[in-house]
Amino acid sequence: MATNEIIKPTDVDITGSSIIINWDDGHRGIYPHRMLRLRCPCASCVEEMTGRALLDPDSVPQDVRALDQMAVGQYALQFLWSDAHYTGIYTYRALRAACTCIACNEARARQP
């Protein structure tokens, strides 16, 4: 796959203890539900001009889960969360960067 091509999900499974995204380059991404909810990029959760977090983590239930998901164009996913939040658009690039699989965690640990 060329480096300028967007890597896209082939399958998104929200039913387990973590959200699993299979990507078209063969990668299997693992995303804990609450971790993704706390990273919501919408204007209610992040100040648009500064990027400062507005979301109080204590306001998000520990057991928050994605109840549904949908593609947004050819570049992002949107989730409906069990706390009724649904406005965040998670770009594929941001989702790949947030992957918590062993390989991605090890790669991040090697970065200076």
PDB file of N, CA and C in Angstrom:
ATOM      1  N   MET A   1       0.851  -1.177   0.000  1.00  0.00           N
ATOM      2  CA  MET A   1       0.000   0.000   0.000  1.00  0.00           C
ATOM      3  C   MET A   1       0.896   1.238   0.000  1.00  0.00           C
ATOM      4  N   ALA A   2       0.629   2.158  -0.885  1.00  0.00           N
ATOM      5  CA  ALA A   2       1.424   3.389  -0.969  1.00  0.00           C
ATOM      6  C   ALA A   2       1.249   4.216   0.300  1.00  0.00           C
ATOM      7  N   THR A   3       2.299   4.955   0.653  1.00  0.00           N
ATOM      8  CA  THR A   3       2.272   5.701   1.906  1.00  0.00           C
ATOM      9  C   THR A   3       1.253   6.830   1.906  1.00  0.00           C
ATOM     10  N   ASN A   4       0.815   7.303   0.739  1.00  0.00           N
ATOM     11  CA  ASN A   4      -0.162   8.385   0.703  1.00  0.00           C
ATOM     12  C   ASN A   4      -1.605   7.876   0.672  1.00  0.00           C
ATOM     13  N   GLU A   5      -1.787   6.559   0.618  1.00  0.00           N
ATOM     14  CA  GLU A   5      -3.128   5.994   0.634  1.00  0.00           C
ATOM     15  C   GLU A   5      -3.654   5.932   2.054  1.00  0.00           C
ATOM     16  N   ILE A   6      -4.944   6.146   2.213  1.00  0.00           N
ATOM     17  CA  ILE A   6      -5.571   6.056   3.521  1.00  0.00           C
ATOM     18  C   ILE A   6      -5.842   4.593   3.836  1.00  0.00           C
ATOM     19  N   ILE A   7      -5.390   4.178   5.003  1.00  0.00           N
ATOM     20  CA  ILE A   7      -5.678   2.825   5.475  1.00  0.00           C
ATOM     21  C   ILE A   7      -7.077   2.866   6.070  1.00  0.00           C
ATOM     22  N   LYS A   8      -7.934   1.934   5.629  1.00  0.00           N
ATOM     23  CA  LYS A   8      -9.341   1.956   6.022  1.00  0.00           C
ATOM     24  C   LYS A   8      -9.716   0.677   6.757  1.00  0.00           C
ATOM     25  N   PRO A   9     -10.733   0.764   7.606  1.00  0.00           N
ATOM     26  CA  PRO A   9     -11.224  -0.443   8.274  1.00  0.00           C
ATOM     27  C   PRO A   9     -11.938  -1.361   7.290  1.00  0.00           C
ATOM     28  N   THR A  10     -11.772  -2.652   7.500  1.00  0.00           N
ATOM     29  CA  THR A  10     -12.545  -3.634   6.742  1.00  0.00           C
ATOM     30  C   THR A  10     -13.671  -4.184   7.594  1.00  0.00           C
ATOM     31  N   ASP A  11     -13.507  -4.092   8.942  1.00  0.00           N
ATOM     32  CA  ASP A  11     -14.505  -4.611   9.869  1.00  0.00           C
ATOM     33  C   ASP A  11     -14.344  -3.898  11.210  1.00  0.00           C
ATOM     34  N   VAL A  12     -15.457  -3.550  11.833  1.00  0.00           N
ATOM     35  CA  VAL A  12     -15.445  -2.919  13.155  1.00  0.00           C
ATOM     36  C   VAL A  12     -16.375  -3.723  14.053  1.00  0.00           C
ATOM     37  N   ASP A  13     -15.827  -4.275  15.136  1.00  0.00           N
ATOM     38  CA  ASP A  13     -16.603  -5.081  16.077  1.00  0.00           C
ATOM     39  C   ASP A  13     -16.656  -4.339  17.409  1.00  0.00           C
ATOM     40  N   ILE A  14     -17.854  -3.908  17.803  1.00  0.00           N
ATOM     41  CA  ILE A  14     -18.028  -3.162  19.048  1.00  0.00           C
ATOM     42  C   ILE A  14     -18.602  -4.037  20.156  1.00  0.00           C
ATOM     43  N   THR A  15     -18.771  -5.330  19.927  1.00  0.00           N
ATOM     44  CA  THR A  15     -19.518  -6.182  20.846  1.00  0.00           C
ATOM     45  C   THR A  15     -18.709  -6.715  22.022  1.00  0.00           C
ATOM     46  N   GLY A  16     -17.401  -6.698  21.951  1.00  0.00           N
ATOM     47  CA  GLY A  16     -16.594  -7.282  23.010  1.00  0.00           C
ATOM     48  C   GLY A  16     -16.187  -6.294  24.082  1.00  0.00           C
ATOM     49  N   SER A  17     -15.223  -6.698  24.887  1.00  0.00           N
ATOM     50  CA  SER A  17     -14.739  -5.844  25.970  1.00  0.00           C
ATOM     51  C   SER A  17     -13.941  -4.663  25.433  1.00  0.00           C
ATOM     52  N   SER A  18     -13.451  -4.767  24.211  1.00  0.00           N
ATOM     53  CA  SER A  18     -12.792  -3.671  23.502  1.00  0.00           C
ATOM     54  C   SER A  18     -13.358  -3.603  22.095  1.00  0.00           C
ATOM     55  N   ILE A  19     -13.231  -2.459  21.471  1.00  0.00           N
ATOM     56  CA  ILE A  19     -13.600  -2.323  20.056  1.00  0.00           C
ATOM     57  C   ILE A  19     -12.448  -2.886  19.247  1.00  0.00           C
ATOM     58  N   ILE A  20     -12.751  -3.759  18.309  1.00  0.00           N
ATOM     59  CA  ILE A  20     -11.742  -4.354  17.446  1.00  0.00           C
ATOM     60  C   ILE A  20     -11.962  -3.830  16.032  1.00  0.00           C
ATOM     61  N   ILE A  21     -10.911  -3.253  15.457  1.00  0.00           N
ATOM     62  CA  ILE A  21     -10.977  -2.766  14.081  1.00  0.00           C
ATOM     63  C   ILE A  21      -9.945  -3.532  13.265  1.00  0.00           C
ATOM     64  N   ASN A  22     -10.417  -4.220  12.240  1.00  0.00           N
ATOM     65  CA  ASN A  22      -9.526  -4.865  11.285  1.00  0.00           C
ATOM     66  C   ASN A  22      -9.329  -3.892  10.135  1.00  0.00           C
ATOM     67  N   TRP A  23      -8.050  -3.622   9.833  1.00  0.00           N
ATOM     68  CA  TRP A  23      -7.689  -2.638   8.819  1.00  0.00           C
ATOM     69  C   TRP A  23      -7.316  -3.321   7.516  1.00  0.00           C
ATOM     70  N   ASP A  24      -7.444  -2.592   6.400  1.00  0.00           N
ATOM     71  CA  ASP A  24      -7.196  -3.196   5.087  1.00  0.00           C
ATOM     72  C   ASP A  24      -5.725  -3.507   4.817  1.00  0.00           C
ATOM     73  N   ASP A  25      -4.830  -3.116   5.716  1.00  0.00           N
ATOM     74  CA  ASP A  25      -3.422  -3.515   5.582  1.00  0.00           C
ATOM     75  C   ASP A  25      -3.112  -4.757   6.427  1.00  0.00           C
ATOM     76  N   GLY A  26      -4.151  -5.364   7.024  1.00  0.00           N
ATOM     77  CA  GLY A  26      -3.972  -6.583   7.807  1.00  0.00           C
ATOM     78  C   GLY A  26      -3.824  -6.357   9.305  1.00  0.00           C
ATOM     79  N   HIS A  27      -3.702  -5.116   9.746  1.00  0.00           N
ATOM     80  CA  HIS A  27      -3.547  -4.823  11.171  1.00  0.00           C
ATOM     81  C   HIS A  27      -4.870  -5.040  11.898  1.00  0.00           C
ATOM     82  N   ARG A  28      -4.789  -5.560  13.123  1.00  0.00           N
ATOM     83  CA  ARG A  28      -5.963  -5.743  13.990  1.00  0.00           C
ATOM     84  C   ARG A  28      -5.799  -4.800  15.168  1.00  0.00           C
ATOM     85  N   GLY A  29      -6.584  -3.722  15.179  1.00  0.00           N
ATOM     86  CA  GLY A  29      -6.481  -2.710  16.227  1.00  0.00           C
ATOM     87  C   GLY A  29      -7.401  -3.009  17.392  1.00  0.00           C
ATOM     88  N   ILE A  30      -6.919  -2.706  18.605  1.00  0.00           N
ATOM     89  CA  ILE A  30      -7.679  -2.942  19.834  1.00  0.00           C
ATOM     90  C   ILE A  30      -7.849  -1.606  20.549  1.00  0.00           C
ATOM     91  N   TYR A  31      -9.099  -1.279  20.888  1.00  0.00           N
ATOM     92  CA  TYR A  31      -9.427   0.020  21.458  1.00  0.00           C
ATOM     93  C   TYR A  31     -10.411  -0.156  22.614  1.00  0.00           C
ATOM     94  N   PRO A  32      -9.965  -0.018  23.858  1.00  0.00           N
ATOM     95  CA  PRO A  32     -10.916  -0.080  24.967  1.00  0.00           C
ATOM     96  C   PRO A  32     -12.004   0.982  24.799  1.00  0.00           C
ATOM     97  N   HIS A  33     -13.233   0.595  25.058  1.00  0.00           N
ATOM     98  CA  HIS A  33     -14.366   1.496  24.857  1.00  0.00           C
ATOM     99  C   HIS A  33     -14.153   2.839  25.554  1.00  0.00           C
ATOM    100  N   ARG A  34     -13.882   2.821  26.848  1.00  0.00           N
ATOM    101  CA  ARG A  34     -13.780   4.080  27.609  1.00  0.00           C
ATOM    102  C   ARG A  34     -12.607   4.931  27.130  1.00  0.00           C
ATOM    103  N   MET A  35     -11.511   4.281  26.780  1.00  0.00           N
ATOM    104  CA  MET A  35     -10.355   5.036  26.287  1.00  0.00           C
ATOM    105  C   MET A  35     -10.739   5.843  25.048  1.00  0.00           C
ATOM    106  N   LEU A  36     -11.462   5.219  24.116  1.00  0.00           N
ATOM    107  CA  LEU A  36     -11.880   5.957  22.914  1.00  0.00           C
ATOM    108  C   LEU A  36     -12.888   7.043  23.258  1.00  0.00           C
ATOM    109  N   ARG A  37     -13.815   6.751  24.152  1.00  0.00           N
ATOM    110  CA  ARG A  37     -14.805   7.783  24.531  1.00  0.00           C
ATOM    111  C   ARG A  37     -14.098   8.992  25.135  1.00  0.00           C
ATOM    112  N   LEU A  38     -13.073   8.747  25.974  1.00  0.00           N
ATOM    113  CA  LEU A  38     -12.344   9.856  26.596  1.00  0.00           C
ATOM    114  C   LEU A  38     -11.517  10.645  25.582  1.00  0.00           C
ATOM    115  N   ARG A  39     -11.246  10.052  24.424  1.00  0.00           N
ATOM    116  CA  ARG A  39     -10.499  10.740  23.367  1.00  0.00           C
ATOM    117  C   ARG A  39     -11.412  11.373  22.326  1.00  0.00           C
ATOM    118  N   CYS A  40     -12.670  11.539  22.659  1.00  0.00           N
ATOM    119  CA  CYS A  40     -13.611  12.121  21.703  1.00  0.00           C
ATOM    120  C   CYS A  40     -13.093  13.484  21.238  1.00  0.00           C
ATOM    121  N   PRO A  41     -13.022  13.696  19.921  1.00  0.00           N
ATOM    122  CA  PRO A  41     -12.481  14.940  19.383  1.00  0.00           C
ATOM    123  C   PRO A  41     -13.526  16.022  19.104  1.00  0.00           C
ATOM    124  N   CYS A  42     -14.771  15.829  19.529  1.00  0.00           N
ATOM    125  CA  CYS A  42     -15.813  16.807  19.184  1.00  0.00           C
ATOM    126  C   CYS A  42     -15.626  18.120  19.941  1.00  0.00           C
ATOM    127  N   ALA A  43     -16.326  19.149  19.498  1.00  0.00           N
ATOM    128  CA  ALA A  43     -16.194  20.486  20.076  1.00  0.00           C
ATOM    129  C   ALA A  43     -16.714  20.562  21.507  1.00  0.00           C
ATOM    130  N   SER A  44     -17.541  19.631  21.927  1.00  0.00           N
ATOM    131  CA  SER A  44     -17.989  19.601  23.324  1.00  0.00           C
ATOM    132  C   SER A  44     -16.922  19.008  24.237  1.00  0.00           C
ATOM    133  N   CYS A  45     -16.051  18.192  23.679  1.00  0.00           N
ATOM    134  CA  CYS A  45     -15.034  17.501  24.474  1.00  0.00           C
ATOM    135  C   CYS A  45     -13.647  18.126  24.370  1.00  0.00           C
ATOM    136  N   VAL A  46     -13.396  18.877  23.285  1.00  0.00           N
ATOM    137  CA  VAL A  46     -12.089  19.493  23.055  1.00  0.00           C
ATOM    138  C   VAL A  46     -12.305  20.919  22.564  1.00  0.00           C
ATOM    139  N   GLU A  47     -11.618  21.873  23.177  1.00  0.00           N
ATOM    140  CA  GLU A  47     -11.715  23.257  22.728  1.00  0.00           C
ATOM    141  C   GLU A  47     -11.154  23.358  21.314  1.00  0.00           C
ATOM    142  N   GLU A  48     -11.946  23.892  20.423  1.00  0.00           N
ATOM    143  CA  GLU A  48     -11.584  23.887  19.001  1.00  0.00           C
ATOM    144  C   GLU A  48     -10.309  24.661  18.681  1.00  0.00           C
ATOM    145  N   MET A  49     -10.106  25.796  19.280  1.00  0.00           N
ATOM    146  CA  MET A  49      -8.967  26.638  18.922  1.00  0.00           C
ATOM    147  C   MET A  49      -7.657  26.194  19.561  1.00  0.00           C
ATOM    148  N   THR A  50      -7.733  25.699  20.797  1.00  0.00           N
ATOM    149  CA  THR A  50      -6.492  25.357  21.509  1.00  0.00           C
ATOM    150  C   THR A  50      -6.228  23.854  21.594  1.00  0.00           C
ATOM    151  N   GLY A  51      -7.264  23.041  21.410  1.00  0.00           N
ATOM    152  CA  GLY A  51      -7.109  21.607  21.579  1.00  0.00           C
ATOM    153  C   GLY A  51      -7.166  21.171  23.036  1.00  0.00           C
ATOM    154  N   ARG A  52      -7.451  22.117  23.937  1.00  0.00           N
ATOM    155  CA  ARG A  52      -7.526  21.819  25.374  1.00  0.00           C
ATOM    156  C   ARG A  52      -8.730  20.920  25.650  1.00  0.00           C
ATOM    157  N   ALA A  53      -8.503  19.886  26.453  1.00  0.00           N
ATOM    158  CA  ALA A  53      -9.583  18.964  26.813  1.00  0.00           C
ATOM    159  C   ALA A  53     -10.635  19.693  27.644  1.00  0.00           C
ATOM    160  N   LEU A  54     -11.895  19.522  27.274  1.00  0.00           N
ATOM    161  CA  LEU A  54     -13.018  20.070  28.028  1.00  0.00           C
ATOM    162  C   LEU A  54     -13.765  18.983  28.784  1.00  0.00           C
ATOM    163  N   LEU A  55     -13.614  17.760  28.339  1.00  0.00           N
ATOM    164  CA  LEU A  55     -14.329  16.633  28.924  1.00  0.00           C
ATOM    165  C   LEU A  55     -13.730  16.273  30.278  1.00  0.00           C
ATOM    166  N   ASP A  56     -14.580  16.228  31.309  1.00  0.00           N
ATOM    167  CA  ASP A  56     -14.163  15.780  32.631  1.00  0.00           C
ATOM    168  C   ASP A  56     -14.232  14.252  32.633  1.00  0.00           C
ATOM    169  N   PRO A  57     -13.099  13.560  32.750  1.00  0.00           N
ATOM    170  CA  PRO A  57     -13.110  12.093  32.723  1.00  0.00           C
ATOM    171  C   PRO A  57     -14.040  11.488  33.776  1.00  0.00           C
ATOM    172  N   ASP A  58     -14.227  12.178  34.905  1.00  0.00           N
ATOM    173  CA  ASP A  58     -15.113  11.654  35.947  1.00  0.00           C
ATOM    174  C   ASP A  58     -16.580  11.671  35.520  1.00  0.00           C
ATOM    175  N   SER A  59     -16.908  12.411  34.471  1.00  0.00           N
ATOM    176  CA  SER A  59     -18.290  12.466  33.988  1.00  0.00           C
ATOM    177  C   SER A  59     -18.620  11.305  33.051  1.00  0.00           C
ATOM    178  N   VAL A  60     -17.618  10.541  32.669  1.00  0.00           N
ATOM    179  CA  VAL A  60     -17.820   9.405  31.761  1.00  0.00           C
ATOM    180  C   VAL A  60     -17.864   8.128  32.591  1.00  0.00           C
ATOM    181  N   PRO A  61     -18.967   7.380  32.521  1.00  0.00           N
ATOM    182  CA  PRO A  61     -19.064   6.151  33.303  1.00  0.00           C
ATOM    183  C   PRO A  61     -17.924   5.175  32.991  1.00  0.00           C
ATOM    184  N   GLN A  62     -17.481   4.462  34.011  1.00  0.00           N
ATOM    185  CA  GLN A  62     -16.420   3.471  33.826  1.00  0.00           C
ATOM    186  C   GLN A  62     -16.834   2.394  32.828  1.00  0.00           C
ATOM    187  N   ASP A  63     -18.124   2.085  32.766  1.00  0.00           N
ATOM    188  CA  ASP A  63     -18.596   1.006  31.898  1.00  0.00           C
ATOM    189  C   ASP A  63     -19.169   1.509  30.571  1.00  0.00           C
ATOM    190  N   VAL A  64     -18.803   2.731  30.150  1.00  0.00           N
ATOM    191  CA  VAL A  64     -19.288   3.268  28.881  1.00  0.00           C
ATOM    192  C   VAL A  64     -18.881   2.338  27.738  1.00  0.00           C
ATOM    193  N   ARG A  65     -19.785   2.180  26.777  1.00  0.00           N
ATOM    194  CA  ARG A  65     -19.537   1.287  25.641  1.00  0.00           C
ATOM    195  C   ARG A  65     -20.068   1.922  24.360  1.00  0.00           C
ATOM    196  N   ALA A  66     -19.471   1.540  23.265  1.00  0.00           N
ATOM    197  CA  ALA A  66     -20.026   1.921  21.968  1.00  0.00           C
ATOM    198  C   ALA A  66     -21.220   1.016  21.694  1.00  0.00           C
ATOM    199  N   LEU A  67     -22.356   1.628  21.384  1.00  0.00           N
ATOM    200  CA  LEU A  67     -23.564   0.869  21.081  1.00  0.00           C
ATOM    201  C   LEU A  67     -23.755   0.689  19.584  1.00  0.00           C
ATOM    202  N   ASP A  68     -23.194   1.615  18.822  1.00  0.00           N
ATOM    203  CA  ASP A  68     -23.309   1.560  17.363  1.00  0.00           C
ATOM    204  C   ASP A  68     -22.163   2.364  16.776  1.00  0.00           C
ATOM    205  N   GLN A  69     -21.911   2.154  15.498  1.00  0.00           N
ATOM    206  CA  GLN A  69     -20.863   2.889  14.798  1.00  0.00           C
ATOM    207  C   GLN A  69     -21.249   3.027  13.346  1.00  0.00           C
ATOM    208  N   MET A  70     -20.705   4.050  12.707  1.00  0.00           N
ATOM    209  CA  MET A  70     -20.941   4.223  11.270  1.00  0.00           C
ATOM    210  C   MET A  70     -19.755   4.936  10.650  1.00  0.00           C
ATOM    211  N   ALA A  71     -19.553   4.660   9.382  1.00  0.00           N
ATOM    212  CA  ALA A  71     -18.498   5.340   8.639  1.00  0.00           C
ATOM    213  C   ALA A  71     -18.934   6.766   8.349  1.00  0.00           C
ATOM    214  N   VAL A  72     -17.958   7.680   8.376  1.00  0.00           N
ATOM    215  CA  VAL A  72     -18.177   9.074   7.986  1.00  0.00           C
ATOM    216  C   VAL A  72     -17.319   9.290   6.752  1.00  0.00           C
ATOM    217  N   GLY A  73     -17.969   9.407   5.610  1.00  0.00           N
ATOM    218  CA  GLY A  73     -17.228   9.540   4.358  1.00  0.00           C
ATOM    219  C   GLY A  73     -16.254   8.386   4.188  1.00  0.00           C
ATOM    220  N   GLN A  74     -15.082   8.713   3.673  1.00  0.00           N
ATOM    221  CA  GLN A  74     -14.029   7.723   3.441  1.00  0.00           C
ATOM    222  C   GLN A  74     -12.852   7.945   4.374  1.00  0.00           C
ATOM    223  N   TYR A  75     -13.102   8.614   5.546  1.00  0.00           N
ATOM    224  CA  TYR A  75     -11.969   9.002   6.376  1.00  0.00           C
ATOM    225  C   TYR A  75     -12.143   8.810   7.875  1.00  0.00           C
ATOM    226  N   ALA A  76     -13.336   8.431   8.350  1.00  0.00           N
ATOM    227  CA  ALA A  76     -13.545   8.420   9.799  1.00  0.00           C
ATOM    228  C   ALA A  76     -14.676   7.483  10.208  1.00  0.00           C
ATOM    229  N   LEU A  77     -14.745   7.255  11.523  1.00  0.00           N
ATOM    230  CA  LEU A  77     -15.850   6.528  12.146  1.00  0.00           C
ATOM    231  C   LEU A  77     -16.494   7.427  13.183  1.00  0.00           C
ATOM    232  N   GLN A  78     -17.783   7.201  13.399  1.00  0.00           N
ATOM    233  CA  GLN A  78     -18.518   7.895  14.450  1.00  0.00           C
ATOM    234  C   GLN A  78     -19.185   6.827  15.302  1.00  0.00           C
ATOM    235  N   PHE A  79     -19.150   7.011  16.622  1.00  0.00           N
ATOM    236  CA  PHE A  79     -19.719   6.038  17.549  1.00  0.00           C
ATOM    237  C   PHE A  79     -20.886   6.647  18.300  1.00  0.00           C
ATOM    238  N   LEU A  80     -21.874   5.825  18.614  1.00  0.00           N
ATOM    239  CA  LEU A  80     -22.933   6.173  19.556  1.00  0.00           C
ATOM    240  C   LEU A  80     -22.551   5.490  20.856  1.00  0.00           C
ATOM    241  N   TRP A  81     -22.293   6.305  21.888  1.00  0.00           N
ATOM    242  CA  TRP A  81     -21.838   5.787  23.173  1.00  0.00           C
ATOM    243  C   TRP A  81     -23.019   5.576  24.118  1.00  0.00           C
ATOM    244  N   SER A  82     -22.848   4.662  25.062  1.00  0.00           N
ATOM    245  CA  SER A  82     -23.913   4.340  26.014  1.00  0.00           C
ATOM    246  C   SER A  82     -24.248   5.510  26.935  1.00  0.00           C
ATOM    247  N   ASP A  83     -23.399   6.538  27.000  1.00  0.00           N
ATOM    248  CA  ASP A  83     -23.728   7.739  27.781  1.00  0.00           C
ATOM    249  C   ASP A  83     -24.456   8.776  26.914  1.00  0.00           C
ATOM    250  N   ALA A  84     -24.949   8.351  25.753  1.00  0.00           N
ATOM    251  CA  ALA A  84     -25.742   9.145  24.812  1.00  0.00           C
ATOM    252  C   ALA A  84     -24.915  10.179  24.046  1.00  0.00           C
ATOM    253  N   HIS A  85     -23.597  10.098  24.110  1.00  0.00           N
ATOM    254  CA  HIS A  85     -22.744  11.004  23.341  1.00  0.00           C
ATOM    255  C   HIS A  85     -22.542  10.404  21.950  1.00  0.00           C
ATOM    256  N   TYR A  86     -22.567  11.235  20.923  1.00  0.00           N
ATOM    257  CA  TYR A  86     -22.468  10.702  19.562  1.00  0.00           C
ATOM    258  C   TYR A  86     -21.838  11.671  18.563  1.00  0.00           C
ATOM    259  N   THR A  87     -21.326  12.803  18.995  1.00  0.00           N
ATOM    260  CA  THR A  87     -20.893  13.819  18.039  1.00  0.00           C
ATOM    261  C   THR A  87     -19.434  13.716  17.603  1.00  0.00           C
ATOM    262  N   GLY A  88     -18.654  12.867  18.212  1.00  0.00           N
ATOM    263  CA  GLY A  88     -17.246  12.766  17.852  1.00  0.00           C
ATOM    264  C   GLY A  88     -17.023  12.028  16.545  1.00  0.00           C
ATOM    265  N   ILE A  89     -16.161  12.568  15.722  1.00  0.00           N
ATOM    266  CA  ILE A  89     -15.766  11.923  14.469  1.00  0.00           C
ATOM    267  C   ILE A  89     -14.293  11.540  14.608  1.00  0.00           C
ATOM    268  N   TYR A  90     -14.028  10.246  14.627  1.00  0.00           N
ATOM    269  CA  TYR A  90     -12.685   9.708  14.840  1.00  0.00           C
ATOM    270  C   TYR A  90     -12.067   9.376  13.491  1.00  0.00           C
ATOM    271  N   THR A  91     -11.088  10.148  13.069  1.00  0.00           N
ATOM    272  CA  THR A  91     -10.459   9.877  11.774  1.00  0.00           C
ATOM    273  C   THR A  91      -9.728   8.544  11.824  1.00  0.00           C
ATOM    274  N   TYR A  92      -9.581   7.931  10.668  1.00  0.00           N
ATOM    275  CA  TYR A  92      -8.847   6.667  10.603  1.00  0.00           C
ATOM    276  C   TYR A  92      -7.422   6.865  11.106  1.00  0.00           C
ATOM    277  N   ARG A  93      -6.823   7.974  10.763  1.00  0.00           N
ATOM    278  CA  ARG A  93      -5.448   8.259  11.210  1.00  0.00           C
ATOM    279  C   ARG A  93      -5.371   8.315  12.744  1.00  0.00           C
ATOM    280  N   ALA A  94      -6.333   8.996  13.376  1.00  0.00           N
ATOM    281  CA  ALA A  94      -6.346   9.102  14.838  1.00  0.00           C
ATOM    282  C   ALA A  94      -6.600   7.737  15.480  1.00  0.00           C
ATOM    283  N   LEU A  95      -7.480   6.955  14.875  1.00  0.00           N
ATOM    284  CA  LEU A  95      -7.743   5.619  15.418  1.00  0.00           C
ATOM    285  C   LEU A  95      -6.500   4.740  15.343  1.00  0.00           C
ATOM    286  N   ARG A  96      -5.813   4.768  14.210  1.00  0.00           N
ATOM    287  CA  ARG A  96      -4.583   3.964  14.110  1.00  0.00           C
ATOM    288  C   ARG A  96      -3.569   4.395  15.149  1.00  0.00           C
ATOM    289  N   ALA A  97      -3.450   5.693  15.396  1.00  0.00           N
ATOM    290  CA  ALA A  97      -2.489   6.202  16.374  1.00  0.00           C
ATOM    291  C   ALA A  97      -2.874   5.808  17.799  1.00  0.00           C
ATOM    292  N   ALA A  98      -4.154   5.548  18.049  1.00  0.00           N
ATOM    293  CA  ALA A  98      -4.626   5.214  19.392  1.00  0.00           C
ATOM    294  C   ALA A  98      -4.658   3.715  19.672  1.00  0.00           C
ATOM    295  N   CYS A  99      -4.257   2.898  18.716  1.00  0.00           N
ATOM    296  CA  CYS A  99      -4.315   1.449  18.884  1.00  0.00           C
ATOM    297  C   CYS A  99      -3.528   1.018  20.120  1.00  0.00           C
ATOM    298  N   THR A 100      -4.106   0.093  20.888  1.00  0.00           N
ATOM    299  CA  THR A 100      -3.456  -0.380  22.110  1.00  0.00           C
ATOM    300  C   THR A 100      -2.929  -1.808  21.988  1.00  0.00           C
ATOM    301  N   CYS A 101      -2.808  -2.329  20.765  1.00  0.00           N
ATOM    302  CA  CYS A 101      -2.279  -3.686  20.615  1.00  0.00           C
ATOM    303  C   CYS A 101      -0.806  -3.713  21.048  1.00  0.00           C
ATOM    304  N   ILE A 102      -0.290  -4.886  21.291  1.00  0.00           N
ATOM    305  CA  ILE A 102       1.085  -5.044  21.764  1.00  0.00           C
ATOM    306  C   ILE A 102       2.084  -4.429  20.786  1.00  0.00           C
ATOM    307  N   ALA A 103       1.919  -4.693  19.493  1.00  0.00           N
ATOM    308  CA  ALA A 103       2.870  -4.171  18.498  1.00  0.00           C
ATOM    309  C   ALA A 103       2.881  -2.637  18.488  1.00  0.00           C
ATOM    310  N   CYS A 104       1.706  -2.021  18.553  1.00  0.00           N
ATOM    311  CA  CYS A 104       1.641  -0.550  18.541  1.00  0.00           C
ATOM    312  C   CYS A 104       2.202   0.034  19.829  1.00  0.00           C
ATOM    313  N   ASN A 105       1.912  -0.597  20.971  1.00  0.00           N
ATOM    314  CA  ASN A 105       2.476  -0.126  22.243  1.00  0.00           C
ATOM    315  C   ASN A 105       3.990  -0.230  22.240  1.00  0.00           C
ATOM    316  N   GLU A 106       4.537  -1.330  21.703  1.00  0.00           N
ATOM    317  CA  GLU A 106       5.990  -1.484  21.635  1.00  0.00           C
ATOM    318  C   GLU A 106       6.615  -0.452  20.702  1.00  0.00           C
ATOM    319  N   ALA A 107       5.970  -0.173  19.576  1.00  0.00           N
ATOM    320  CA  ALA A 107       6.484   0.831  18.637  1.00  0.00           C
ATOM    321  C   ALA A 107       6.502   2.218  19.281  1.00  0.00           C
ATOM    322  N   ARG A 108       5.457   2.557  20.035  1.00  0.00           N
ATOM    323  CA  ARG A 108       5.421   3.845  20.720  1.00  0.00           C
ATOM    324  C   ARG A 108       6.512   3.933  21.782  1.00  0.00           C
ATOM    325  N   ALA A 109       6.782   2.831  22.463  1.00  0.00           N
ATOM    326  CA  ALA A 109       7.802   2.810  23.517  1.00  0.00           C
ATOM    327  C   ALA A 109       9.207   3.023  22.929  1.00  0.00           C
ATOM    328  N   ARG A 110       9.417   2.629  21.683  1.00  0.00           N
ATOM    329  CA  ARG A 110      10.728   2.784  21.035  1.00  0.00           C
ATOM    330  C   ARG A 110      10.950   4.196  20.516  1.00  0.00           C
ATOM    331  N   GLN A 111       9.887   4.987  20.396  1.00  0.00           N
ATOM    332  CA  GLN A 111      10.028   6.358  19.876  1.00  0.00           C
ATOM    333  C   GLN A 111      10.690   7.243  20.925  1.00  0.00           C
ATOM    334  N   PRO A 112      11.547   8.158  20.466  1.00  0.00           N
ATOM    335  CA  PRO A 112      12.240   9.052  21.426  1.00  0.00           C
ATOM    336  C   PRO A 112      11.288  10.020  22.088  1.00  0.00           C
TER     337      PRO A 112
END
